[in-house]
Amino acid sequence: MQPSEALWREIKAEQLKDAYADLSVAQQRRERLRSRMIALLEALQAKGEVKLKPQKGLIGPFLLARILAETGPLNDFENLSQLLRYAGMNLRPDQSGTHRGKERQAKRGRARLRAVLAQAVLKLVVRTEL
């Protein structure tokens, strides 16, 4: 038995209302988490545990908080090379047997950290039109 056209529209309208309500809840949750992450970053900066500061036009507080959330304390890394390896951004040779290709990004490590760093760089590229 096929539902009538009016009943079908009513069902779809109800589904749309539910989806919109779910979207509103998700957006509110996202904003709450965003403000909590920024507050945590500010608390760590006040304690002196994080020396990095957001810089207008370069990196915002939320993006910095996301980077620190992925890396943990930056003091755990002895140098930049170790941090890049952790993120999977170090270069690896593309070779097999006698084949010698270009060096490529390793892509082992923290995919989310690479994504956050890409977002930070993309904003700079778009702004400066590099």
C-alpha atoms as a PDB file:
ATOM      1  CA  MET A   1       0.000   0.000   0.000  1.00  0.00           C
ATOM      2  CA  GLN A   2       1.453   3.359  -1.053  1.00  0.00           C
ATOM      3  CA  PRO A   3       1.119   6.319   1.306  1.00  0.00           C
ATOM      4  CA  SER A   4      -0.785   9.248  -0.091  1.00  0.00           C
ATOM      5  CA  GLU A   5       1.090  12.283  -1.417  1.00  0.00           C
ATOM      6  CA  ALA A   6      -0.017  14.438   1.548  1.00  0.00           C
ATOM      7  CA  LEU A   7       1.122  11.823   4.063  1.00  0.00           C
ATOM      8  CA  TRP A   8       4.436  11.466   2.239  1.00  0.00           C
ATOM      9  CA  ARG A   9       4.982  15.261   2.412  1.00  0.00           C
ATOM     10  CA  GLU A  10       4.106  15.279   6.108  1.00  0.00           C
ATOM     11  CA  ILE A  11       6.627  12.513   6.834  1.00  0.00           C
ATOM     12  CA  LYS A  12       9.362  14.318   4.877  1.00  0.00           C
ATOM     13  CA  ALA A  13       8.574  17.622   6.622  1.00  0.00           C
ATOM     14  CA  GLU A  14       8.860  15.915  10.015  1.00  0.00           C
ATOM     15  CA  GLN A  15      12.184  14.344   9.018  1.00  0.00           C
ATOM     16  CA  LEU A  16      13.454  17.758   7.922  1.00  0.00           C
ATOM     17  CA  LYS A  17      12.423  19.330  11.249  1.00  0.00           C
ATOM     18  CA  ASP A  18      14.233  16.560  13.134  1.00  0.00           C
ATOM     19  CA  ALA A  19      17.370  16.991  11.038  1.00  0.00           C
ATOM     20  CA  TYR A  20      17.324  20.763  11.617  1.00  0.00           C
ATOM     21  CA  ALA A  21      16.927  20.238  15.386  1.00  0.00           C
ATOM     22  CA  ASP A  22      19.865  17.796  15.333  1.00  0.00           C
ATOM     23  CA  LEU A  23      21.953  20.343  13.427  1.00  0.00           C
ATOM     24  CA  SER A  24      21.164  23.054  15.981  1.00  0.00           C
ATOM     25  CA  VAL A  25      22.178  20.789  18.863  1.00  0.00           C
ATOM     26  CA  ALA A  26      25.410  19.820  17.080  1.00  0.00           C
ATOM     27  CA  GLN A  27      26.287  23.472  16.411  1.00  0.00           C
ATOM     28  CA  GLN A  28      25.669  24.411  20.064  1.00  0.00           C
ATOM     29  CA  ARG A  29      27.831  21.484  21.225  1.00  0.00           C
ATOM     30  CA  ARG A  30      30.572  22.522  18.803  1.00  0.00           C
ATOM     31  CA  GLU A  31      30.571  26.118  20.074  1.00  0.00           C
ATOM     32  CA  ARG A  32      30.640  24.928  23.713  1.00  0.00           C
ATOM     33  CA  LEU A  33      33.625  22.674  23.014  1.00  0.00           C
ATOM     34  CA  ARG A  34      35.371  25.439  21.077  1.00  0.00           C
ATOM     35  CA  SER A  35      35.050  27.890  23.981  1.00  0.00           C
ATOM     36  CA  ARG A  36      36.191  25.234  26.470  1.00  0.00           C
ATOM     37  CA  MET A  37      39.287  24.491  24.367  1.00  0.00           C
ATOM     38  CA  ILE A  38      40.152  28.188  24.178  1.00  0.00           C
ATOM     39  CA  ALA A  39      39.628  28.554  27.942  1.00  0.00           C
ATOM     40  CA  LEU A  40      41.928  25.578  28.561  1.00  0.00           C
ATOM     41  CA  LEU A  41      44.593  27.115  26.307  1.00  0.00           C
ATOM     42  CA  GLU A  42      44.352  30.409  28.194  1.00  0.00           C
ATOM     43  CA  ALA A  43      44.623  28.582  31.528  1.00  0.00           C
ATOM     44  CA  LEU A  44      47.748  26.746  30.349  1.00  0.00           C
ATOM     45  CA  GLN A  45      49.229  30.028  29.131  1.00  0.00           C
ATOM     46  CA  ALA A  46      48.501  31.679  32.494  1.00  0.00           C
ATOM     47  CA  LYS A  47      50.316  28.842  34.287  1.00  0.00           C
ATOM     48  CA  GLY A  48      53.247  29.237  31.919  1.00  0.00           C
ATOM     49  CA  GLU A  49      52.951  25.689  30.601  1.00  0.00           C
ATOM     50  CA  VAL A  50      52.321  26.932  27.054  1.00  0.00           C
ATOM     51  CA  LYS A  51      54.514  29.712  25.758  1.00  0.00           C
ATOM     52  CA  LEU A  52      52.920  29.934  22.306  1.00  0.00           C
ATOM     53  CA  LYS A  53      50.430  32.725  21.860  1.00  0.00           C
ATOM     54  CA  PRO A  54      47.828  33.223  19.152  1.00  0.00           C
ATOM     55  CA  GLN A  55      48.798  35.907  16.680  1.00  0.00           C
ATOM     56  CA  LYS A  56      46.208  37.922  14.820  1.00  0.00           C
ATOM     57  CA  GLY A  57      46.329  37.188  11.113  1.00  0.00           C
ATOM     58  CA  LEU A  58      48.572  34.157  11.620  1.00  0.00           C
ATOM     59  CA  ILE A  59      47.005  31.622  13.988  1.00  0.00           C
ATOM     60  CA  GLY A  60      43.934  31.964  16.162  1.00  0.00           C
ATOM     61  CA  PRO A  61      43.448  30.619  19.684  1.00  0.00           C
ATOM     62  CA  PHE A  62      41.188  27.761  18.609  1.00  0.00           C
ATOM     63  CA  LEU A  63      43.591  26.515  15.940  1.00  0.00           C
ATOM     64  CA  LEU A  64      46.471  26.734  18.405  1.00  0.00           C
ATOM     65  CA  ALA A  65      44.412  24.808  20.968  1.00  0.00           C
ATOM     66  CA  ARG A  66      43.693  22.115  18.363  1.00  0.00           C
ATOM     67  CA  ILE A  67      47.392  21.784  17.525  1.00  0.00           C
ATOM     68  CA  LEU A  68      48.265  21.435  21.205  1.00  0.00           C
ATOM     69  CA  ALA A  69      45.430  18.941  21.672  1.00  0.00           C
ATOM     70  CA  GLU A  70      46.976  16.749  18.974  1.00  0.00           C
ATOM     71  CA  THR A  71      50.620  17.103  20.041  1.00  0.00           C
ATOM     72  CA  GLY A  72      50.383  17.347  23.802  1.00  0.00           C
ATOM     73  CA  PRO A  73      53.149  19.336  25.498  1.00  0.00           C
ATOM     74  CA  LEU A  74      55.568  20.617  22.886  1.00  0.00           C
ATOM     75  CA  ASN A  75      58.392  20.216  25.419  1.00  0.00           C
ATOM     76  CA  ASP A  76      58.134  16.468  24.808  1.00  0.00           C
ATOM     77  CA  PHE A  77      59.755  16.995  21.386  1.00  0.00           C
ATOM     78  CA  GLU A  78      63.484  17.618  21.322  1.00  0.00           C
ATOM     79  CA  ASN A  79      63.465  19.364  17.934  1.00  0.00           C
ATOM     80  CA  LEU A  80      61.267  20.280  14.983  1.00  0.00           C
ATOM     81  CA  SER A  81      62.268  17.161  13.056  1.00  0.00           C
ATOM     82  CA  GLN A  82      60.878  14.938  15.807  1.00  0.00           C
ATOM     83  CA  LEU A  83      57.596  16.874  15.803  1.00  0.00           C
ATOM     84  CA  LEU A  84      57.333  16.562  12.022  1.00  0.00           C
ATOM     85  CA  ARG A  85      57.914  12.796  12.234  1.00  0.00           C
ATOM     86  CA  TYR A  86      55.200  12.584  14.907  1.00  0.00           C
ATOM     87  CA  ALA A  87      52.798  14.337  12.526  1.00  0.00           C
ATOM     88  CA  GLY A  88      53.893  12.141   9.598  1.00  0.00           C
ATOM     89  CA  MET A  89      55.188  15.118   7.649  1.00  0.00           C
ATOM     90  CA  ASN A  90      58.752  13.903   7.277  1.00  0.00           C
ATOM     91  CA  LEU A  91      60.029  12.915   3.850  1.00  0.00           C
ATOM     92  CA  ARG A  92      60.647   9.314   2.875  1.00  0.00           C
ATOM     93  CA  PRO A  93      62.337   8.013  -0.250  1.00  0.00           C
ATOM     94  CA  ASP A  94      60.111   6.351  -2.828  1.00  0.00           C
ATOM     95  CA  GLN A  95      62.235   3.411  -3.866  1.00  0.00           C
ATOM     96  CA  SER A  96      61.907  -0.261  -4.508  1.00  0.00           C
ATOM     97  CA  GLY A  97      64.663  -2.458  -5.876  1.00  0.00           C
ATOM     98  CA  THR A  98      66.354  -0.454  -8.610  1.00  0.00           C
ATOM     99  CA  HIS A  99      63.523   2.113  -8.865  1.00  0.00           C
ATOM    100  CA  ARG A 100      64.390   5.491  -7.374  1.00  0.00           C
ATOM    101  CA  GLY A 101      61.476   7.939  -7.225  1.00  0.00           C
ATOM    102  CA  LYS A 102      60.951  11.309  -5.622  1.00  0.00           C
ATOM    103  CA  GLU A 103      60.892  11.770  -1.880  1.00  0.00           C
ATOM    104  CA  ARG A 104      57.341  11.894  -0.608  1.00  0.00           C
ATOM    105  CA  GLN A 105      55.559  12.747   2.597  1.00  0.00           C
ATOM    106  CA  ALA A 106      55.512   9.752   4.952  1.00  0.00           C
ATOM    107  CA  LYS A 107      51.853  10.194   6.028  1.00  0.00           C
ATOM    108  CA  ARG A 108      52.432   8.009   9.045  1.00  0.00           C
ATOM    109  CA  GLY A 109      51.524   9.568  12.323  1.00  0.00           C
ATOM    110  CA  ARG A 110      48.738  11.902  13.340  1.00  0.00           C
ATOM    111  CA  ALA A 111      46.389  12.524  10.426  1.00  0.00           C
ATOM    112  CA  ARG A 112      44.341  15.043  12.423  1.00  0.00           C
ATOM    113  CA  LEU A 113      47.473  17.010  13.268  1.00  0.00           C
ATOM    114  CA  ARG A 114      48.330  17.176   9.568  1.00  0.00           C
ATOM    115  CA  ALA A 115      44.764  18.322   8.852  1.00  0.00           C
ATOM    116  CA  VAL A 116      44.923  21.094  11.467  1.00  0.00           C
ATOM    117  CA  LEU A 117      48.296  22.268  10.178  1.00  0.00           C
ATOM    118  CA  ALA A 118      46.925  22.223   6.634  1.00  0.00           C
ATOM    119  CA  GLN A 119      44.003  24.405   7.752  1.00  0.00           C
ATOM    120  CA  ALA A 120      46.396  26.897   9.325  1.00  0.00           C
ATOM    121  CA  VAL A 121      48.552  27.044   6.208  1.00  0.00           C
ATOM    122  CA  LEU A 122      45.561  27.203   3.848  1.00  0.00           C
ATOM    123  CA  LYS A 123      44.251  30.315   5.618  1.00  0.00           C
ATOM    124  CA  LEU A 124      47.635  31.971   5.164  1.00  0.00           C
ATOM    125  CA  VAL A 125      47.850  30.966   1.515  1.00  0.00           C
ATOM    126  CA  VAL A 126      44.356  32.274   0.764  1.00  0.00           C
ATOM    127  CA  ARG A 127      44.986  35.563   2.594  1.00  0.00           C
ATOM    128  CA  THR A 128      48.373  36.263   1.053  1.00  0.00           C
ATOM    129  CA  GLU A 129      47.440  34.742  -2.321  1.00  0.00           C
ATOM    130  CA  LEU A 130      50.595  32.644  -2.517  1.00  0.00           C
END
